[in-house]
Amino acid sequence: MSQTITATPRERHLSAKRRWALEILAAAGVRGCTGATLLAHGVSVDMLADLVHDGLATAHRQTMRVGRRKIQFARIMITDAGRRAIED
Protein backbone atom coordinates (compact mmCIF):
# COMPACT_ATOMS: atom_id res chain seq x y z
CA MET A 1 0.00 0.00 0.00
CA SER A 2 1.39 3.40 -0.93
CA GLN A 3 -0.10 6.85 -0.45
CA THR A 4 1.27 10.13 -1.77
CA ILE A 5 0.97 13.43 0.06
CA THR A 6 1.55 16.64 -1.88
CA ALA A 7 0.62 20.28 -1.59
CA THR A 8 0.58 23.35 -3.81
CA PRO A 9 3.98 25.09 -3.87
CA ARG A 10 4.19 28.41 -2.02
CA GLU A 11 6.80 31.12 -2.38
CA ARG A 12 9.02 30.96 0.68
CA HIS A 13 12.60 31.78 1.56
CA LEU A 14 14.77 28.71 2.11
CA SER A 15 16.72 28.65 5.35
CA ALA A 16 20.12 26.96 5.36
CA LYS A 17 18.61 23.91 7.12
CA ARG A 18 15.75 23.60 4.60
CA ARG A 19 18.20 23.93 1.71
CA TRP A 20 20.43 21.27 3.29
CA ALA A 21 17.47 18.87 3.68
CA LEU A 22 16.48 19.42 0.03
CA GLU A 23 20.07 18.81 -1.07
CA ILE A 24 20.06 15.47 0.77
CA LEU A 25 16.84 14.56 -1.05
CA ALA A 26 18.24 15.69 -4.40
CA ALA A 27 21.37 13.57 -3.87
CA ALA A 28 19.21 10.53 -3.03
CA GLY A 29 17.96 10.36 -6.60
CA VAL A 30 14.63 9.06 -7.82
CA ARG A 31 14.08 6.67 -4.90
CA GLY A 32 14.32 9.43 -2.29
CA CYS A 33 15.13 8.78 1.37
CA THR A 34 13.21 7.17 4.14
CA GLY A 35 11.96 9.44 6.85
CA ALA A 36 14.19 7.57 9.32
CA THR A 37 17.28 8.35 7.23
CA LEU A 38 16.45 12.05 7.19
CA LEU A 39 15.78 12.03 10.93
CA ALA A 40 19.19 10.41 11.44
CA HIS A 41 20.72 13.33 9.50
CA GLY A 42 19.09 15.72 11.95
CA VAL A 43 16.12 16.78 9.82
CA SER A 44 13.13 17.30 12.12
CA VAL A 45 9.66 15.88 11.55
CA ASP A 46 8.32 19.46 11.51
CA MET A 47 10.74 20.43 8.74
CA LEU A 48 9.75 17.38 6.68
CA ALA A 49 6.09 18.27 7.12
CA ASP A 50 6.81 21.87 6.06
CA LEU A 51 8.71 20.75 2.95
CA VAL A 52 5.79 18.53 1.93
CA HIS A 53 3.22 21.21 2.77
CA ASP A 54 5.17 23.78 0.71
CA GLY A 55 5.29 21.40 -2.29
CA LEU A 56 9.08 21.03 -2.17
CA ALA A 57 8.93 17.33 -1.33
CA THR A 58 6.49 14.43 -1.40
CA ALA A 59 5.97 11.71 1.18
CA HIS A 60 4.91 8.19 0.24
CA ARG A 61 3.80 5.85 2.98
CA GLN A 62 4.81 2.27 2.23
CA THR A 63 4.41 -1.08 3.91
CA MET A 64 7.03 -3.82 3.84
CA ARG A 65 6.71 -7.33 5.17
CA VAL A 66 9.66 -8.60 7.20
CA GLY A 67 9.02 -12.16 8.24
CA ARG A 68 5.58 -12.13 9.81
CA ARG A 69 5.65 -8.44 10.64
CA LYS A 70 4.48 -5.54 8.52
CA ILE A 71 6.54 -2.39 8.83
CA GLN A 72 5.28 1.00 7.67
CA PHE A 73 7.70 3.72 6.67
CA ALA A 74 7.69 6.96 4.74
CA ARG A 75 9.80 7.60 1.65
CA ILE A 76 10.46 11.30 1.03
CA MET A 77 11.35 12.63 -2.43
CA ILE A 78 12.21 16.07 -3.73
CA THR A 79 9.79 17.61 -6.23
CA ASP A 80 10.61 19.71 -9.28
CA ALA A 81 9.69 22.79 -7.22
CA GLY A 82 12.19 21.67 -4.58
CA ARG A 83 14.91 21.30 -7.21
CA ARG A 84 14.16 24.79 -8.53
CA ALA A 85 14.27 26.18 -4.99
CA ILE A 86 17.82 24.94 -4.38
CA GLU A 87 18.96 26.11 -7.82
CA ASP A 88 17.88 29.70 -7.10
C-alpha atoms as a PDB file:
ATOM      1  CA  MET A   1       0.000   0.000   0.000  1.00  0.00           C
ATOM      2  CA  SER A   2       1.387   3.399  -0.928  1.00  0.00           C
ATOM      3  CA  GLN A   3      -0.097   6.849  -0.453  1.00  0.00           C
ATOM      4  CA  THR A   4       1.269  10.131  -1.766  1.00  0.00           C
ATOM      5  CA  ILE A   5       0.967  13.429   0.064  1.00  0.00           C
ATOM      6  CA  THR A   6       1.553  16.641  -1.882  1.00  0.00           C
ATOM      7  CA  ALA A   7       0.618  20.284  -1.593  1.00  0.00           C
ATOM      8  CA  THR A   8       0.577  23.348  -3.814  1.00  0.00           C
ATOM      9  CA  PRO A   9       3.982  25.086  -3.873  1.00  0.00           C
ATOM     10  CA  ARG A  10       4.188  28.413  -2.024  1.00  0.00           C
ATOM     11  CA  GLU A  11       6.800  31.124  -2.375  1.00  0.00           C
ATOM     12  CA  ARG A  12       9.016  30.959   0.684  1.00  0.00           C
ATOM     13  CA  HIS A  13      12.598  31.785   1.561  1.00  0.00           C
ATOM     14  CA  LEU A  14      14.773  28.714   2.114  1.00  0.00           C
ATOM     15  CA  SER A  15      16.724  28.654   5.347  1.00  0.00           C
ATOM     16  CA  ALA A  16      20.118  26.961   5.362  1.00  0.00           C
ATOM     17  CA  LYS A  17      18.608  23.912   7.115  1.00  0.00           C
ATOM     18  CA  ARG A  18      15.753  23.598   4.604  1.00  0.00           C
ATOM     19  CA  ARG A  19      18.204  23.931   1.709  1.00  0.00           C
ATOM     20  CA  TRP A  20      20.433  21.274   3.291  1.00  0.00           C
ATOM     21  CA  ALA A  21      17.469  18.873   3.679  1.00  0.00           C
ATOM     22  CA  LEU A  22      16.478  19.419   0.035  1.00  0.00           C
ATOM     23  CA  GLU A  23      20.074  18.810  -1.071  1.00  0.00           C
ATOM     24  CA  ILE A  24      20.057  15.472   0.773  1.00  0.00           C
ATOM     25  CA  LEU A  25      16.840  14.557  -1.051  1.00  0.00           C
ATOM     26  CA  ALA A  26      18.243  15.687  -4.403  1.00  0.00           C
ATOM     27  CA  ALA A  27      21.374  13.568  -3.872  1.00  0.00           C
ATOM     28  CA  ALA A  28      19.214  10.532  -3.027  1.00  0.00           C
ATOM     29  CA  GLY A  29      17.958  10.361  -6.604  1.00  0.00           C
ATOM     30  CA  VAL A  30      14.626   9.064  -7.822  1.00  0.00           C
ATOM     31  CA  ARG A  31      14.083   6.671  -4.899  1.00  0.00           C
ATOM     32  CA  GLY A  32      14.324   9.426  -2.287  1.00  0.00           C
ATOM     33  CA  CYS A  33      15.129   8.776   1.374  1.00  0.00           C
ATOM     34  CA  THR A  34      13.211   7.166   4.141  1.00  0.00           C
ATOM     35  CA  GLY A  35      11.961   9.439   6.848  1.00  0.00           C
ATOM     36  CA  ALA A  36      14.190   7.573   9.318  1.00  0.00           C
ATOM     37  CA  THR A  37      17.282   8.349   7.228  1.00  0.00           C
ATOM     38  CA  LEU A  38      16.448  12.050   7.189  1.00  0.00           C
ATOM     39  CA  LEU A  39      15.775  12.027  10.930  1.00  0.00           C
ATOM     40  CA  ALA A  40      19.194  10.407  11.435  1.00  0.00           C
ATOM     41  CA  HIS A  41      20.716  13.332   9.501  1.00  0.00           C
ATOM     42  CA  GLY A  42      19.094  15.724  11.955  1.00  0.00           C
ATOM     43  CA  VAL A  43      16.122  16.785   9.822  1.00  0.00           C
ATOM     44  CA  SER A  44      13.130  17.297  12.117  1.00  0.00           C
ATOM     45  CA  VAL A  45       9.662  15.883  11.550  1.00  0.00           C
ATOM     46  CA  ASP A  46       8.316  19.456  11.506  1.00  0.00           C
ATOM     47  CA  MET A  47      10.735  20.425   8.741  1.00  0.00           C
ATOM     48  CA  LEU A  48       9.749  17.375   6.678  1.00  0.00           C
ATOM     49  CA  ALA A  49       6.090  18.267   7.120  1.00  0.00           C
ATOM     50  CA  ASP A  50       6.810  21.872   6.061  1.00  0.00           C
ATOM     51  CA  LEU A  51       8.713  20.747   2.951  1.00  0.00           C
ATOM     52  CA  VAL A  52       5.791  18.527   1.931  1.00  0.00           C
ATOM     53  CA  HIS A  53       3.223  21.209   2.769  1.00  0.00           C
ATOM     54  CA  ASP A  54       5.173  23.780   0.714  1.00  0.00           C
ATOM     55  CA  GLY A  55       5.285  21.404  -2.285  1.00  0.00           C
ATOM     56  CA  LEU A  56       9.080  21.034  -2.169  1.00  0.00           C
ATOM     57  CA  ALA A  57       8.932  17.325  -1.325  1.00  0.00           C
ATOM     58  CA  THR A  58       6.488  14.435  -1.399  1.00  0.00           C
ATOM     59  CA  ALA A  59       5.973  11.710   1.184  1.00  0.00           C
ATOM     60  CA  HIS A  60       4.910   8.192   0.238  1.00  0.00           C
ATOM     61  CA  ARG A  61       3.800   5.848   2.984  1.00  0.00           C
ATOM     62  CA  GLN A  62       4.808   2.275   2.225  1.00  0.00           C
ATOM     63  CA  THR A  63       4.408  -1.080   3.914  1.00  0.00           C
ATOM     64  CA  MET A  64       7.025  -3.817   3.837  1.00  0.00           C
ATOM     65  CA  ARG A  65       6.713  -7.334   5.170  1.00  0.00           C
ATOM     66  CA  VAL A  66       9.658  -8.596   7.205  1.00  0.00           C
ATOM     67  CA  GLY A  67       9.024 -12.162   8.240  1.00  0.00           C
ATOM     68  CA  ARG A  68       5.578 -12.133   9.808  1.00  0.00           C
ATOM     69  CA  ARG A  69       5.645  -8.441  10.636  1.00  0.00           C
ATOM     70  CA  LYS A  70       4.475  -5.542   8.518  1.00  0.00           C
ATOM     71  CA  ILE A  71       6.541  -2.386   8.828  1.00  0.00           C
ATOM     72  CA  GLN A  72       5.275   0.998   7.667  1.00  0.00           C
ATOM     73  CA  PHE A  73       7.695   3.719   6.672  1.00  0.00           C
ATOM     74  CA  ALA A  74       7.688   6.964   4.737  1.00  0.00           C
ATOM     75  CA  ARG A  75       9.799   7.599   1.647  1.00  0.00           C
ATOM     76  CA  ILE A  76      10.460  11.296   1.026  1.00  0.00           C
ATOM     77  CA  MET A  77      11.355  12.628  -2.428  1.00  0.00           C
ATOM     78  CA  ILE A  78      12.208  16.067  -3.726  1.00  0.00           C
ATOM     79  CA  THR A  79       9.789  17.612  -6.226  1.00  0.00           C
ATOM     80  CA  ASP A  80      10.611  19.707  -9.283  1.00  0.00           C
ATOM     81  CA  ALA A  81       9.692  22.787  -7.221  1.00  0.00           C
ATOM     82  CA  GLY A  82      12.192  21.668  -4.578  1.00  0.00           C
ATOM     83  CA  ARG A  83      14.912  21.298  -7.211  1.00  0.00           C
ATOM     84  CA  ARG A  84      14.161  24.789  -8.530  1.00  0.00           C
ATOM     85  CA  ALA A  85      14.271  26.178  -4.992  1.00  0.00           C
ATOM     86  CA  ILE A  86      17.824  24.939  -4.383  1.00  0.00           C
ATOM     87  CA  GLU A  87      18.956  26.112  -7.816  1.00  0.00           C
ATOM     88  CA  ASP A  88      17.883  29.702  -7.101  1.00  0.00           C
END
